[in-house]
N, C-alpha and C. Protein backbone atom coordinates (compact mmCIF):
# COMPACT_ATOMS: atom_id res chain seq x y z
N MET A 1 46.42 -11.61 34.66
CA MET A 1 45.12 -11.14 35.09
C MET A 1 44.30 -12.30 35.62
N LYS A 2 43.36 -11.96 36.47
CA LYS A 2 42.47 -12.98 37.02
C LYS A 2 41.15 -12.95 36.26
N TYR A 3 40.65 -14.13 35.98
CA TYR A 3 39.39 -14.28 35.26
C TYR A 3 38.51 -15.28 36.00
N ILE A 4 37.21 -15.15 35.74
CA ILE A 4 36.25 -16.15 36.21
C ILE A 4 35.52 -16.67 34.97
N ALA A 5 35.58 -17.97 34.79
CA ALA A 5 34.85 -18.62 33.70
C ALA A 5 33.53 -19.13 34.26
N HIS A 6 32.44 -18.73 33.63
CA HIS A 6 31.11 -19.21 33.99
C HIS A 6 30.72 -20.23 32.92
N ILE A 7 30.75 -21.50 33.30
CA ILE A 7 30.60 -22.60 32.34
C ILE A 7 29.26 -23.29 32.54
N ASN A 8 28.56 -23.53 31.44
CA ASN A 8 27.32 -24.32 31.46
C ASN A 8 27.56 -25.59 30.67
N VAL A 9 27.26 -26.71 31.29
CA VAL A 9 27.37 -28.02 30.65
C VAL A 9 25.96 -28.62 30.63
N MET A 10 25.50 -28.97 29.44
CA MET A 10 24.15 -29.50 29.29
C MET A 10 24.16 -30.78 28.46
N PRO A 11 23.20 -31.68 28.73
CA PRO A 11 23.09 -32.86 27.87
C PRO A 11 22.75 -32.44 26.44
N LEU A 12 23.24 -33.16 25.48
CA LEU A 12 22.92 -32.88 24.09
C LEU A 12 21.40 -32.96 23.88
N LYS A 13 20.86 -32.09 23.07
CA LYS A 13 19.42 -32.04 22.85
C LYS A 13 18.88 -33.33 22.26
N GLU A 14 19.74 -34.05 21.52
CA GLU A 14 19.31 -35.28 20.86
C GLU A 14 19.18 -36.44 21.85
N LEU A 15 19.72 -36.30 23.05
CA LEU A 15 19.73 -37.39 24.02
C LEU A 15 18.66 -37.21 25.08
N LEU A 16 18.16 -38.31 25.56
CA LEU A 16 17.21 -38.31 26.66
C LEU A 16 17.87 -37.78 27.92
N ASP A 17 17.16 -36.94 28.67
CA ASP A 17 17.65 -36.41 29.93
C ASP A 17 16.74 -36.94 31.04
N PRO A 18 17.06 -38.11 31.62
CA PRO A 18 16.18 -38.72 32.61
C PRO A 18 15.94 -37.83 33.83
N GLN A 19 16.96 -37.12 34.27
CA GLN A 19 16.80 -36.24 35.43
C GLN A 19 15.85 -35.08 35.08
N GLY A 20 16.02 -34.52 33.91
CA GLY A 20 15.13 -33.45 33.47
C GLY A 20 13.70 -33.93 33.34
N LYS A 21 13.52 -35.14 32.81
CA LYS A 21 12.18 -35.70 32.67
C LYS A 21 11.53 -35.92 34.03
N ALA A 22 12.30 -36.41 35.00
CA ALA A 22 11.76 -36.63 36.35
C ALA A 22 11.34 -35.30 36.98
N VAL A 23 12.17 -34.27 36.83
CA VAL A 23 11.82 -32.95 37.38
C VAL A 23 10.60 -32.39 36.66
N ASN A 24 10.53 -32.55 35.35
CA ASN A 24 9.38 -32.09 34.58
C ASN A 24 8.10 -32.74 35.10
N ASN A 25 8.13 -34.06 35.30
CA ASN A 25 6.96 -34.78 35.80
C ASN A 25 6.59 -34.33 37.21
N SER A 26 7.59 -34.11 38.05
CA SER A 26 7.33 -33.67 39.42
C SER A 26 6.71 -32.28 39.45
N LEU A 27 7.18 -31.40 38.57
CA LEU A 27 6.58 -30.06 38.50
C LEU A 27 5.13 -30.14 38.07
N HIS A 28 4.83 -31.04 37.14
CA HIS A 28 3.44 -31.23 36.72
C HIS A 28 2.60 -31.74 37.89
N ASN A 29 3.16 -32.67 38.69
CA ASN A 29 2.45 -33.18 39.86
C ASN A 29 2.18 -32.09 40.89
N LEU A 30 3.00 -31.06 40.90
CA LEU A 30 2.83 -29.93 41.82
C LEU A 30 1.87 -28.88 41.26
N GLY A 31 1.33 -29.15 40.08
CA GLY A 31 0.38 -28.23 39.48
C GLY A 31 0.99 -27.24 38.51
N LEU A 32 2.27 -27.34 38.27
CA LEU A 32 2.95 -26.44 37.33
C LEU A 32 2.93 -27.07 35.94
N THR A 33 1.74 -27.13 35.36
CA THR A 33 1.56 -27.88 34.11
C THR A 33 2.01 -27.11 32.88
N ASN A 34 2.32 -25.82 33.01
CA ASN A 34 2.79 -25.04 31.87
C ASN A 34 4.29 -25.20 31.64
N VAL A 35 4.96 -25.97 32.48
CA VAL A 35 6.40 -26.20 32.35
C VAL A 35 6.60 -27.37 31.39
N SER A 36 7.61 -27.25 30.51
CA SER A 36 7.89 -28.35 29.60
C SER A 36 9.37 -28.38 29.25
N ASN A 37 9.81 -29.51 28.75
CA ASN A 37 11.17 -29.69 28.25
C ASN A 37 12.25 -29.27 29.25
N VAL A 38 12.14 -29.75 30.47
CA VAL A 38 13.15 -29.45 31.49
C VAL A 38 14.43 -30.21 31.15
N ARG A 39 15.56 -29.52 31.19
CA ARG A 39 16.87 -30.14 30.98
C ARG A 39 17.72 -29.77 32.19
N ILE A 40 18.42 -30.74 32.74
CA ILE A 40 19.26 -30.52 33.92
C ILE A 40 20.72 -30.61 33.49
N GLY A 41 21.49 -29.62 33.89
CA GLY A 41 22.90 -29.60 33.56
C GLY A 41 23.72 -29.14 34.75
N LYS A 42 24.91 -28.64 34.46
CA LYS A 42 25.83 -28.17 35.51
C LYS A 42 26.24 -26.74 35.20
N HIS A 43 26.41 -25.95 36.25
CA HIS A 43 26.98 -24.61 36.11
C HIS A 43 28.24 -24.58 36.96
N ILE A 44 29.34 -24.21 36.36
CA ILE A 44 30.64 -24.27 37.03
C ILE A 44 31.30 -22.89 36.97
N HIS A 45 31.82 -22.43 38.10
CA HIS A 45 32.64 -21.21 38.15
C HIS A 45 34.08 -21.67 38.29
N LEU A 46 34.92 -21.19 37.41
CA LEU A 46 36.33 -21.55 37.43
C LEU A 46 37.15 -20.26 37.54
N HIS A 47 37.90 -20.11 38.60
CA HIS A 47 38.77 -18.95 38.77
C HIS A 47 40.14 -19.31 38.22
N LEU A 48 40.69 -18.45 37.37
CA LEU A 48 41.98 -18.76 36.78
C LEU A 48 42.77 -17.48 36.53
N GLU A 49 44.07 -17.67 36.40
CA GLU A 49 44.96 -16.57 36.05
C GLU A 49 45.53 -16.83 34.67
N ALA A 50 45.53 -15.79 33.85
CA ALA A 50 46.04 -15.90 32.49
C ALA A 50 46.61 -14.55 32.07
N ALA A 51 47.49 -14.57 31.10
CA ALA A 51 48.12 -13.33 30.63
C ALA A 51 47.12 -12.42 29.94
N ASN A 52 46.11 -13.03 29.27
CA ASN A 52 45.10 -12.23 28.58
C ASN A 52 43.84 -13.08 28.38
N LYS A 53 42.83 -12.45 27.80
CA LYS A 53 41.54 -13.13 27.65
C LYS A 53 41.63 -14.31 26.68
N ASP A 54 42.44 -14.19 25.63
CA ASP A 54 42.60 -15.31 24.69
C ASP A 54 43.17 -16.54 25.38
N GLU A 55 44.17 -16.33 26.24
CA GLU A 55 44.76 -17.45 26.97
C GLU A 55 43.74 -18.03 27.95
N ALA A 56 42.99 -17.19 28.61
CA ALA A 56 41.95 -17.67 29.53
C ALA A 56 40.89 -18.48 28.79
N THR A 57 40.56 -18.04 27.59
CA THR A 57 39.60 -18.78 26.76
C THR A 57 40.13 -20.17 26.42
N LYS A 58 41.38 -20.23 25.99
CA LYS A 58 41.99 -21.53 25.65
C LYS A 58 42.05 -22.45 26.86
N MET A 59 42.39 -21.91 28.02
CA MET A 59 42.46 -22.72 29.24
C MET A 59 41.09 -23.27 29.60
N THR A 60 40.07 -22.43 29.48
CA THR A 60 38.70 -22.86 29.80
C THR A 60 38.23 -23.93 28.83
N GLN A 61 38.48 -23.73 27.54
CA GLN A 61 38.10 -24.74 26.55
C GLN A 61 38.78 -26.08 26.83
N GLU A 62 40.06 -26.03 27.18
CA GLU A 62 40.79 -27.26 27.47
C GLU A 62 40.21 -27.96 28.69
N ALA A 63 39.89 -27.20 29.74
CA ALA A 63 39.30 -27.79 30.94
C ALA A 63 37.97 -28.46 30.62
N CYS A 64 37.17 -27.80 29.80
CA CYS A 64 35.87 -28.36 29.43
C CYS A 64 36.01 -29.62 28.59
N LYS A 65 36.88 -29.57 27.60
CA LYS A 65 37.04 -30.70 26.69
C LYS A 65 37.69 -31.91 27.36
N LYS A 66 38.62 -31.66 28.28
CA LYS A 66 39.37 -32.77 28.89
C LYS A 66 38.74 -33.31 30.17
N LEU A 67 37.91 -32.50 30.85
CA LEU A 67 37.42 -32.95 32.14
C LEU A 67 35.96 -32.61 32.43
N LEU A 68 35.55 -31.39 32.20
CA LEU A 68 34.27 -30.93 32.72
C LEU A 68 33.06 -31.38 31.92
N ALA A 69 33.23 -31.63 30.62
CA ALA A 69 32.11 -32.05 29.77
C ALA A 69 32.48 -33.32 29.02
N ASN A 70 31.56 -34.27 29.02
CA ASN A 70 31.70 -35.47 28.21
C ASN A 70 31.11 -35.13 26.85
N GLN A 71 31.94 -34.84 25.87
CA GLN A 71 31.47 -34.32 24.59
C GLN A 71 30.67 -35.32 23.77
N VAL A 72 30.67 -36.57 24.16
CA VAL A 72 29.83 -37.56 23.50
C VAL A 72 28.37 -37.34 23.89
N MET A 73 28.15 -36.88 25.13
CA MET A 73 26.80 -36.74 25.67
C MET A 73 26.42 -35.32 26.07
N GLU A 74 27.39 -34.41 26.13
CA GLU A 74 27.12 -33.07 26.65
C GLU A 74 27.73 -31.99 25.75
N SER A 75 27.13 -30.82 25.80
CA SER A 75 27.71 -29.65 25.15
C SER A 75 28.06 -28.65 26.25
N PHE A 76 28.90 -27.68 25.91
CA PHE A 76 29.25 -26.67 26.89
C PHE A 76 29.36 -25.31 26.22
N ASP A 77 29.13 -24.29 27.02
CA ASP A 77 29.41 -22.93 26.60
C ASP A 77 29.89 -22.18 27.84
N PHE A 78 30.53 -21.04 27.62
CA PHE A 78 31.04 -20.30 28.77
C PHE A 78 31.21 -18.83 28.43
N THR A 79 31.26 -18.05 29.48
CA THR A 79 31.61 -16.64 29.37
C THR A 79 32.76 -16.37 30.35
N LEU A 80 33.56 -15.40 30.02
CA LEU A 80 34.67 -15.01 30.88
C LEU A 80 34.43 -13.59 31.39
N SER A 81 34.74 -13.38 32.67
CA SER A 81 34.72 -12.04 33.22
C SER A 81 35.99 -11.82 34.01
N GLU A 82 36.41 -10.59 34.12
CA GLU A 82 37.60 -10.30 34.91
C GLU A 82 37.23 -10.42 36.37
N GLY A 83 38.14 -11.01 37.12
CA GLY A 83 37.81 -11.20 38.53
C GLY A 83 39.02 -11.16 39.35
């Protein structure tokens, strides 16, 4: 079966996010002062073929752990849909 993994990779909450801080400050400069705690991450779509959803889940986890997310500095989560 074909699946699409929708993966979100974000900096760990305990770590400073310089890009998020810069965007937060820029939004304030534009008058959007009600915005706070901006965090910048990555959203990845991964198309894959697997025998079943469990196998697709394992493949997605492996891709995230080995390549897509630096687990020292980032966390990840994902959802799978048939595609």
